[in-house]
Amino acid sequence: MPYWSQQVEVNIIQQINQKQLTANSANEQLQAFFNKQNIVGFEKTAERKLGNTIYVTGKLISSQNKYSLTLLLELNKKGFEIVSVRIS
């Protein structure tokens, strides 16, 4: 899974608070949320870079709701990897 860190912190609205997940589990959780909520778009609202870390915030758009998304990415030898995903 090229864009995921080996361990990813995942917090998704209306799901049991989950701490660290493997890349595969994080990907499955995110896909399940996107499918269930019928996510059709993303609007980036901010991006901040601090050293080797980038914070991206925005809104996930579905036909009925908008959800806040916060991503934490870190730069390593392979490029940027997702370290944390929060959807509220």
Protein backbone atom coordinates (compact mmCIF):
# COMPACT_ATOMS: atom_id res chain seq x y z
CA MET A 1 0.00 0.00 0.00
CA PRO A 2 2.15 2.83 -1.31
CA TYR A 3 0.58 5.84 0.42
CA TRP A 4 0.04 4.41 3.90
CA SER A 5 2.51 4.25 6.76
CA GLN A 6 2.94 0.79 8.29
CA GLN A 7 0.90 1.93 11.31
CA VAL A 8 -1.87 4.50 10.83
CA GLU A 9 -4.00 6.30 13.42
CA VAL A 10 -7.61 6.22 12.21
CA ASN A 11 -10.57 8.01 13.80
CA ILE A 12 -13.81 7.97 11.82
CA ILE A 13 -17.09 9.51 12.98
CA GLN A 14 -19.65 7.03 14.34
CA GLN A 15 -17.09 4.25 14.59
CA ILE A 16 -15.36 2.88 17.63
CA ASN A 17 -12.29 4.99 18.35
CA GLN A 18 -9.41 3.14 16.81
CA LYS A 19 -5.81 3.87 17.57
CA GLN A 20 -3.14 2.29 15.41
CA LEU A 21 -4.10 0.14 12.43
CA THR A 22 -2.06 -1.62 9.80
CA ALA A 23 -2.01 -0.07 6.33
CA ASN A 24 -4.45 -2.72 5.03
CA SER A 25 -6.90 -2.22 7.90
CA ALA A 26 -6.75 1.58 7.56
CA ASN A 27 -7.42 1.31 3.84
CA GLU A 28 -10.37 -1.04 4.43
CA GLN A 29 -11.88 1.30 7.07
CA LEU A 30 -11.59 4.31 4.78
CA GLN A 31 -13.05 2.45 1.80
CA ALA A 32 -15.97 1.23 3.91
CA PHE A 33 -16.69 4.78 5.09
CA PHE A 34 -16.51 6.17 1.53
CA ASN A 35 -18.84 3.46 0.22
CA LYS A 36 -21.35 3.75 3.08
CA GLN A 37 -21.51 7.56 2.94
CA ASN A 38 -21.30 7.73 -0.87
CA ILE A 39 -18.40 10.21 -0.85
CA VAL A 40 -18.21 11.97 -4.22
CA GLY A 41 -15.68 14.75 -3.69
CA PHE A 42 -13.15 16.59 -1.57
CA GLU A 43 -12.59 20.30 -0.97
CA LYS A 44 -9.21 21.19 0.53
CA THR A 45 -9.45 24.04 3.03
CA ALA A 46 -5.87 24.25 4.33
CA GLU A 47 -2.42 22.75 4.07
CA ARG A 48 0.49 23.37 6.44
CA LYS A 49 4.02 22.08 6.17
CA LEU A 50 6.20 21.73 9.27
CA GLY A 51 9.55 20.15 8.47
CA ASN A 52 8.89 16.67 7.06
CA THR A 53 5.22 16.77 8.08
CA ILE A 54 2.20 18.05 6.15
CA TYR A 55 -1.26 18.64 7.62
CA VAL A 56 -4.12 18.72 5.13
CA THR A 57 -7.67 19.66 6.14
CA GLY A 58 -10.81 19.77 4.08
CA LYS A 59 -14.34 18.52 3.54
CA LEU A 60 -15.43 15.16 2.18
CA ILE A 61 -18.61 15.66 0.17
CA SER A 62 -21.48 13.19 -0.08
CA SER A 63 -24.92 13.72 -1.57
CA GLN A 64 -26.35 14.50 1.88
CA ASN A 65 -23.51 15.62 4.18
CA LYS A 66 -20.06 17.14 4.43
CA TYR A 67 -17.48 15.58 6.74
CA SER A 68 -14.33 17.23 8.05
CA LEU A 69 -11.13 15.44 7.08
CA THR A 70 -7.69 15.89 8.60
CA LEU A 71 -4.69 14.06 7.20
CA LEU A 72 -1.19 13.94 8.64
CA LEU A 73 1.50 12.96 6.16
CA GLU A 74 5.21 12.43 6.76
CA LEU A 75 8.03 12.49 4.25
CA ASN A 76 10.37 9.51 4.22
CA LYS A 77 12.65 7.84 1.67
CA LYS A 78 9.66 6.52 -0.30
CA GLY A 79 7.87 9.89 -0.42
CA PHE A 80 4.88 11.05 1.61
CA GLU A 81 2.96 8.49 3.66
CA ILE A 82 -0.35 8.89 5.51
CA VAL A 83 0.24 8.63 9.25
CA SER A 84 -3.14 9.77 10.57
CA VAL A 85 -6.70 10.11 9.20
CA ARG A 86 -9.53 11.79 11.10
CA ILE A 87 -13.06 12.15 9.79
CA SER A 88 -15.69 13.99 11.81
